[in-house]
Protein backbone atom coordinates (compact mmCIF):
# COMPACT_ATOMS: atom_id res chain seq x y z
CA UNK A 1 -33.60 19.93 12.95
CA UNK A 2 -34.84 18.32 9.71
CA UNK A 3 -33.32 15.27 8.02
CA UNK A 4 -31.20 17.36 5.63
CA UNK A 5 -29.57 19.22 8.54
CA UNK A 6 -28.65 15.91 10.17
CA UNK A 7 -26.46 14.99 7.21
CA UNK A 8 -22.79 15.25 8.21
CA UNK A 9 -20.07 16.97 6.18
CA UNK A 10 -16.38 16.06 6.35
CA UNK A 11 -14.04 18.94 5.50
CA UNK A 12 -10.42 18.01 4.79
CA UNK A 13 -7.73 20.69 4.89
CA UNK A 14 -3.93 20.62 4.50
CA UNK A 15 -2.41 23.66 6.24
CA UNK A 16 1.25 24.60 6.04
CA UNK A 17 2.34 27.50 8.29
CA UNK A 18 -0.75 29.35 7.15
CA UNK A 19 -1.90 32.46 9.03
CA UNK A 20 -5.16 32.20 7.09
CA UNK A 21 -6.12 28.87 8.66
CA UNK A 22 -7.79 30.39 11.73
CA UNK A 23 -9.89 32.97 9.81
CA UNK A 24 -10.77 30.26 7.29
CA UNK A 25 -12.12 28.00 10.04
CA UNK A 26 -14.02 30.83 11.71
CA UNK A 27 -15.60 31.99 8.44
CA UNK A 28 -16.50 28.42 7.45
CA UNK A 29 -18.40 27.90 10.70
CA UNK A 30 -19.99 31.33 10.99
CA UNK A 31 -21.36 31.27 7.44
CA UNK A 32 -22.61 27.67 7.47
CA UNK A 33 -26.36 27.14 7.61
CA UNK A 34 -25.85 24.15 9.94
CA UNK A 35 -22.42 24.35 11.61
CA UNK A 36 -23.24 21.32 13.76
CA UNK A 37 -22.97 19.12 10.65
CA UNK A 38 -19.29 20.04 10.12
CA UNK A 39 -16.56 17.52 10.93
CA UNK A 40 -13.30 19.22 9.96
CA UNK A 41 -9.92 17.48 9.78
CA UNK A 42 -6.70 19.49 9.36
CA UNK A 43 -3.15 18.36 8.70
CA UNK A 44 -1.63 21.18 10.76
CA UNK A 45 2.00 21.66 9.72
CA UNK A 46 3.45 24.42 11.85
CA UNK A 47 6.67 25.98 13.08
CA UNK A 48 7.86 26.24 16.67
CA UNK A 49 6.28 29.69 17.10
CA UNK A 50 2.76 28.45 16.42
CA UNK A 51 0.70 26.72 19.11
CA UNK A 52 -2.97 25.88 19.79
CA UNK A 53 -3.52 28.86 22.08
CA UNK A 54 -4.19 31.05 19.06
CA UNK A 55 -7.27 28.94 18.31
CA UNK A 56 -8.47 29.52 21.87
CA UNK A 57 -7.91 33.24 21.36
CA UNK A 58 -10.00 32.89 18.18
CA UNK A 59 -13.03 31.62 20.07
CA UNK A 60 -12.57 27.84 19.97
CA UNK A 61 -12.56 25.48 22.91
CA UNK A 62 -9.48 23.25 22.66
CA UNK A 63 -8.69 19.81 24.09
CA UNK A 64 -5.97 17.41 23.11
CA UNK A 65 -5.26 13.70 23.03
CA UNK A 66 -3.16 11.16 21.11
CA UNK A 67 -4.54 9.50 17.97
CA UNK A 68 -2.53 6.65 16.44
CA UNK A 69 0.58 7.94 18.16
CA UNK A 70 0.05 11.48 16.90
CA UNK A 71 -0.82 14.53 18.99
CA UNK A 72 -4.31 15.72 18.10
CA UNK A 73 -6.04 18.95 19.12
CA UNK A 74 -9.84 19.00 19.04
CA UNK A 75 -11.47 22.39 18.49
CA UNK A 76 -15.17 23.12 18.97
CA UNK A 77 -17.33 26.07 18.03
CA UNK A 78 -21.10 26.36 17.49
CA UNK A 79 -21.46 22.58 17.29
CA UNK A 80 -18.72 22.13 14.68
CA UNK A 81 -15.81 19.82 15.52
CA UNK A 82 -12.29 20.29 14.17
CA UNK A 83 -9.43 17.82 14.51
CA UNK A 84 -5.93 19.28 14.16
CA UNK A 85 -3.39 16.54 13.51
CA UNK A 86 -0.14 18.03 14.79
CA UNK A 87 2.94 17.94 12.52
CA UNK A 88 6.16 19.92 12.68
CA UNK A 89 6.92 21.78 9.46
CA UNK A 90 9.98 19.63 8.72
CA UNK A 91 7.79 16.50 8.68
CA UNK A 92 5.90 17.71 5.61
CA UNK A 93 6.10 15.67 2.41
CA UNK A 94 4.01 17.91 0.20
CA UNK A 95 0.38 18.43 -0.69
CA UNK A 96 -0.68 14.85 -1.46
CA UNK A 97 0.86 13.63 1.78
CA UNK A 98 -0.83 16.42 3.78
CA UNK A 99 -4.24 15.63 2.29
CA UNK A 100 -3.73 11.96 3.15
CA UNK A 101 -2.89 12.90 6.74
CA UNK A 102 -6.00 15.09 6.97
CA UNK A 103 -8.13 12.17 5.77
CA UNK A 104 -7.21 10.27 8.95
CA UNK A 105 -10.16 12.03 10.55
CA UNK A 106 -12.78 10.68 8.13
CA UNK A 107 -15.58 8.75 9.90
CA UNK A 108 -17.98 7.90 7.07
CA UNK A 109 -19.60 11.33 6.96
CA UNK A 110 -22.34 11.79 4.36
CA UNK A 111 -20.48 14.41 2.32
CA UNK A 112 -16.86 15.44 1.75
CA UNK A 113 -15.42 18.87 0.98
CA UNK A 114 -11.76 19.04 -0.05
CA UNK A 115 -10.29 22.54 0.20
CA UNK A 116 -7.10 24.40 1.12
CA UNK A 117 -6.44 26.43 4.28
CA UNK A 118 -7.10 29.89 2.82
CA UNK A 119 -10.74 30.46 1.87
CA UNK A 120 -13.75 32.63 2.60
CA UNK A 121 -17.32 31.38 2.39
CA UNK A 122 -20.69 32.59 1.14
CA UNK A 123 -23.66 32.57 3.50
CA UNK A 124 -25.24 29.08 3.75
CA UNK A 125 -22.47 27.55 1.65
CA UNK A 126 -23.07 24.05 3.03
CA UNK A 127 -26.79 24.06 2.21
CA UNK A 128 -26.15 25.36 -1.30
CA UNK A 129 -23.51 22.71 -2.05
CA UNK A 130 -25.75 19.91 -0.84
CA UNK A 131 -28.68 21.21 -2.89
CA UNK A 132 -26.54 21.39 -6.05
CA UNK A 133 -25.18 17.88 -5.52
CA UNK A 134 -28.56 16.34 -4.78
CA UNK A 135 -30.11 18.06 -7.79
CA UNK A 136 -27.49 16.39 -9.98
CA UNK A 137 -28.16 13.06 -8.32
CA UNK A 138 -31.83 13.38 -9.21
CA UNK A 139 -30.81 13.99 -12.83
CA UNK A 140 -29.36 10.53 -13.48
CA UNK A 141 -25.89 11.17 -12.00
CA UNK A 142 -25.67 8.91 -8.92
CA UNK A 143 -22.09 9.95 -8.05
CA UNK A 144 -21.66 13.64 -8.86
CA UNK A 145 -18.64 15.72 -7.82
CA UNK A 146 -18.52 19.51 -7.82
CA UNK A 147 -15.04 20.81 -8.69
CA UNK A 148 -13.46 24.07 -9.75
CA UNK A 149 -11.16 26.98 -9.03
CA UNK A 150 -13.11 29.50 -6.92
CA UNK A 151 -12.77 33.25 -7.47
CA UNK A 152 -10.17 35.16 -5.48
CA UNK A 153 -10.31 37.05 -2.21
CA UNK A 154 -7.79 39.28 -0.45
CA UNK A 155 -7.40 39.01 3.34
CA UNK A 156 -8.91 41.96 5.15
CA UNK A 157 -11.39 42.84 2.41
CA UNK A 158 -15.10 42.78 3.21
CA UNK A 159 -16.79 39.74 1.67
CA UNK A 160 -20.29 39.70 0.12
CA UNK A 161 -23.05 37.41 1.39
CA UNK A 162 -23.14 35.44 -1.86
CA UNK A 163 -20.70 34.63 -4.64
CA UNK A 164 -22.20 35.27 -8.05
CA UNK A 165 -19.13 34.17 -10.04
CA UNK A 166 -18.55 30.78 -11.63
CA UNK A 167 -15.64 29.33 -13.57
CA UNK A 168 -14.79 26.22 -15.53
CA UNK A 169 -11.41 24.54 -15.97
CA UNK A 170 -10.33 24.43 -19.63
CA UNK A 171 -7.52 22.56 -21.33
CA UNK A 172 -4.45 24.65 -22.25
CA UNK A 173 -1.62 22.24 -23.08
CA UNK A 174 0.26 19.10 -22.18
CA UNK A 175 3.63 19.31 -20.48
CA UNK A 176 5.52 20.48 -17.44
CA UNK A 177 5.21 18.95 -14.01
CA UNK A 178 1.42 19.25 -14.28
CA UNK A 179 1.18 16.71 -17.18
CA UNK A 180 -1.93 18.65 -18.27
CA UNK A 181 -2.22 22.42 -17.91
CA UNK A 182 -5.56 24.12 -17.42
CA UNK A 183 -6.95 27.60 -16.93
CA UNK A 184 -10.16 28.94 -15.46
CA UNK A 185 -12.63 30.79 -17.66
CA UNK A 186 -16.01 32.26 -16.68
CA UNK A 187 -19.20 30.25 -17.01
CA UNK A 188 -21.95 32.27 -18.64
CA UNK A 189 -24.03 33.99 -15.93
CA UNK A 190 -27.24 32.62 -17.46
CA UNK A 191 -26.31 29.08 -16.32
CA UNK A 192 -28.81 27.76 -13.79
CA UNK A 193 -27.27 24.33 -13.13
CA UNK A 194 -23.76 22.92 -12.76
CA UNK A 195 -21.94 22.22 -16.04
CA UNK A 196 -19.93 19.12 -16.91
CA UNK A 197 -16.20 19.22 -16.15
CA UNK A 198 -13.15 17.48 -17.61
CA UNK A 199 -10.80 18.07 -14.73
CA UNK A 200 -10.55 17.89 -10.94
CA UNK A 201 -9.48 20.68 -8.61
CA UNK A 202 -7.37 19.95 -5.55
CA UNK A 203 -8.48 23.14 -3.77
CA UNK A 204 -12.23 22.64 -4.11
CA UNK A 205 -14.09 19.35 -4.53
CA UNK A 206 -17.46 18.45 -3.03
CA UNK A 207 -18.93 14.95 -3.23
CA UNK A 208 -20.40 12.10 -1.24
CA UNK A 209 -18.22 11.02 1.65
CA UNK A 210 -17.63 7.74 -0.17
CA UNK A 211 -15.09 9.48 -2.39
CA UNK A 212 -12.63 9.56 0.52
CA UNK A 213 -12.72 5.75 0.58
CA UNK A 214 -12.83 5.27 -3.19
CA UNK A 215 -10.34 7.95 -4.24
CA UNK A 216 -8.12 8.68 -1.23
CA UNK A 217 -5.36 11.25 -1.40
CA UNK A 218 -2.13 9.87 -2.83
CA UNK A 219 0.86 10.84 -0.64
CA UNK A 220 3.27 10.33 -3.55
CA UNK A 221 1.98 13.45 -5.32
CA UNK A 222 4.06 16.35 -4.08
CA UNK A 223 1.92 18.99 -5.78
CA UNK A 224 1.46 19.41 -9.53
CA UNK A 225 0.29 15.94 -10.59
CA UNK A 226 -2.51 15.76 -8.03
CA UNK A 227 -5.36 17.21 -10.09
CA UNK A 228 -5.10 15.20 -13.32
CA UNK A 229 -4.75 11.92 -11.44
CA UNK A 230 -7.75 12.78 -9.25
CA UNK A 231 -9.78 13.46 -12.40
CA UNK A 232 -8.91 10.10 -13.93
CA UNK A 233 -9.28 8.21 -10.66
CA UNK A 234 -12.65 9.74 -9.81
CA UNK A 235 -14.00 9.18 -13.33
CA UNK A 236 -12.87 5.55 -13.48
CA UNK A 237 -14.48 4.96 -10.07
CA UNK A 238 -17.79 6.09 -11.53
CA UNK A 239 -17.91 9.70 -10.35
CA UNK A 240 -19.18 12.39 -12.73
CA UNK A 241 -17.43 15.77 -12.65
CA UNK A 242 -19.25 19.11 -12.67
CA UNK A 243 -18.41 22.77 -12.18
CA UNK A 244 -20.86 24.62 -9.91
CA UNK A 245 -22.79 27.29 -11.81
CA UNK A 246 -22.37 29.52 -8.76
CA UNK A 247 -19.43 29.27 -6.39
CA UNK A 248 -19.95 29.30 -2.63
CA UNK A 249 -16.43 30.24 -1.54
CA UNK A 250 -13.39 32.29 -2.48
CA UNK A 251 -9.71 31.31 -2.59
CA UNK A 252 -6.58 33.29 -1.69
CA UNK A 253 -4.27 32.85 -4.69
CA UNK A 254 -0.59 33.72 -4.89
CA UNK A 255 -0.20 34.40 -1.14
CA UNK A 256 2.90 36.53 -1.72
CA UNK A 257 5.17 36.40 1.31
CA UNK A 258 3.37 33.42 2.89
CA UNK A 259 5.56 30.40 3.74
CA UNK A 260 5.63 27.66 1.08
CA UNK A 261 6.71 24.11 1.84
CA UNK A 262 8.98 23.84 -1.22
CA UNK A 263 10.76 27.07 -0.34
CA UNK A 264 11.34 26.02 3.28
CA UNK A 265 12.63 22.62 2.20
CA UNK A 266 14.95 24.17 -0.37
CA UNK A 267 16.48 26.41 2.31
CA UNK A 268 16.76 23.50 4.77
CA UNK A 269 18.46 21.39 2.12
CA UNK A 270 20.95 24.19 1.40
CA UNK A 271 21.77 24.26 5.13
CA UNK A 272 22.26 20.50 5.17
CA UNK A 273 19.26 19.97 7.48
CA UNK A 274 17.33 17.67 5.13
CA UNK A 275 17.88 15.53 2.07
CA UNK A 276 14.25 15.94 0.99
CA UNK A 277 13.99 17.44 -2.49
CA UNK A 278 10.48 18.50 -3.49
CA UNK A 279 11.57 19.03 -7.08
CA UNK A 280 12.79 15.44 -7.35
CA UNK A 281 9.56 14.19 -5.76
CA UNK A 282 7.59 16.17 -8.33
CA UNK A 283 9.61 14.79 -11.25
CA UNK A 284 9.20 11.25 -9.91
CA UNK A 285 5.43 11.70 -9.59
CA UNK A 286 5.24 13.11 -13.12
CA UNK A 287 7.13 10.13 -14.54
CA UNK A 288 4.80 7.71 -12.76
CA UNK A 289 1.72 9.50 -14.10
CA UNK A 290 3.08 9.62 -17.65
CA UNK A 291 3.77 5.87 -17.48
CA UNK A 292 0.26 5.17 -16.16
CA UNK A 293 -1.24 7.24 -18.99
CA UNK A 294 0.95 5.67 -21.71
CA UNK A 295 2.71 8.93 -22.55
CA UNK A 296 6.18 7.41 -23.08
CA UNK A 297 5.53 5.65 -26.41
CA UNK A 298 4.70 2.52 -24.43
CA UNK A 299 1.39 0.94 -23.40
CA UNK A 300 0.01 2.33 -20.13
CA UNK A 301 1.48 0.75 -17.02
CA UNK A 302 -1.10 -1.01 -14.88
CA UNK A 303 -1.60 0.91 -11.66
CA UNK A 304 -3.72 0.03 -8.61
CA UNK A 305 -5.38 3.43 -8.29
CA UNK A 306 -7.57 3.28 -11.39
CA UNK A 307 -11.20 2.38 -10.78
CA UNK A 308 -13.06 -0.51 -12.41
CA UNK A 309 -16.35 1.19 -13.31
CA UNK A 310 -14.79 2.95 -16.30
CA UNK A 311 -11.49 2.73 -18.15
CA UNK A 312 -8.70 5.21 -18.79
CA UNK A 313 -9.69 5.12 -22.48
CA UNK A 314 -13.25 6.09 -21.56
CA UNK A 315 -11.95 9.07 -19.60
CA UNK A 316 -9.93 10.15 -22.63
CA UNK A 317 -13.00 9.92 -24.87
CA UNK A 318 -15.05 11.89 -22.34
CA UNK A 319 -12.42 14.60 -21.79
CA UNK A 320 -11.46 14.75 -25.47
CA UNK A 321 -7.79 14.01 -24.76
CA UNK A 322 -5.29 11.42 -25.92
CA UNK A 323 -2.39 11.23 -23.50
CA UNK A 324 -0.17 8.98 -25.64
CA UNK A 325 -0.41 11.25 -28.71
CA UNK A 326 -0.58 14.52 -26.78
CA UNK A 327 -3.67 15.32 -28.79
CA UNK A 328 -7.16 16.67 -28.18
CA UNK A 329 -10.48 16.92 -29.95
CA UNK A 330 -11.62 20.16 -31.59
CA UNK A 331 -14.26 20.57 -28.85
CA UNK A 332 -11.65 20.38 -26.09
CA UNK A 333 -9.36 22.83 -27.86
CA UNK A 334 -12.34 25.18 -28.34
CA UNK A 335 -13.23 24.96 -24.62
CA UNK A 336 -16.65 23.42 -25.31
CA UNK A 337 -18.37 21.21 -22.74
CA UNK A 338 -17.31 17.54 -22.56
CA UNK A 339 -19.76 14.88 -23.66
CA UNK A 340 -20.15 11.13 -24.14
CA UNK A 341 -20.57 11.43 -27.92
CA UNK A 342 -17.20 9.79 -28.73
CA UNK A 343 -17.61 6.75 -26.48
CA UNK A 344 -19.08 4.60 -29.27
CA UNK A 345 -16.45 5.37 -31.91
CA UNK A 346 -14.03 2.69 -33.06
CA UNK A 347 -10.33 3.43 -32.62
CA UNK A 348 -9.79 4.62 -36.19
CA UNK A 349 -12.70 7.04 -36.05
CA UNK A 350 -11.58 8.30 -32.63
CA UNK A 351 -8.02 8.94 -33.79
CA UNK A 352 -9.31 10.77 -36.86
CA UNK A 353 -11.00 13.29 -34.57
CA UNK A 354 -7.81 14.16 -32.70
CA UNK A 355 -5.68 17.25 -33.33
CA UNK A 356 -2.16 17.98 -32.14
CA UNK A 357 -2.36 19.87 -28.86
CA UNK A 358 0.04 22.49 -27.50
CA UNK A 359 2.92 21.17 -25.44
CA UNK A 360 4.85 23.25 -22.94
CA UNK A 361 8.19 21.84 -21.66
């Protein structure tokens, strides 16, 4: 085993009543170039009909113990280790909370991959991600992060060995519970290196393991506000965002008929079984983000989660966005690549470059 193969990779996964979790774990391990490097941590939110025996039936060895007062199942396969932190479905507090619970398993691994529980993987996905990240590091970006929305797969369909698609996340509008709305558009197939990114993706982010310490998951984000705050937090902590020019995994979008935490909680609330309201949590998170970004006709509220290597204003100049004015630069509106060209402008010159951006209630 060479030095590169000895590098460890922490994979963090929130899983809510997801039948795709087991095939995701199997595919991740079977298609890795070095499965022994994988240290996977899952916030396993399940119903009473789900139990660890299905992982044994899927080819994993399973043991269990108690970690910080929480039942933990440890799965092993081909040298990979998976920690399942056991939570009943009615304990769930949304996506940000689940990611924070999954991060309990972090042990200073060299790299971190943040994904969801419904993916398929290209052959040697781990090697390819590490090579892309290290190539960026050698190009004057000491803290690169690969982010993006992977292409789609459908369960049961045969998957290719490699993924030749690539997408970038483009600005669409301000507004709604997302604060900023984005969409994925194809990256030109002639691209041979990752391209700079404005935004962060909750369902795929690959970086040094240090990002788990520097930019930990925020349990107060129920769902929609997670990505824009991660973008700002990562950037202000000195991380540089990139879209991979070639994806190494696929994502199962929509998942029609699959259980969703907000739907289960809405039904439980209607039955009087819980007072938890995911909608209210989402609105509260949105209000907190808008205050932190100065979007309420007031100066930004000081928050502890911003980094000190860069400022919120520097992120806005980089991304070509002005949160307070709900405005964007012509380059951002035209879906051109972000740059550092506006960092040296004075405030008057910067504001002169801004254009009113779409807003969706």
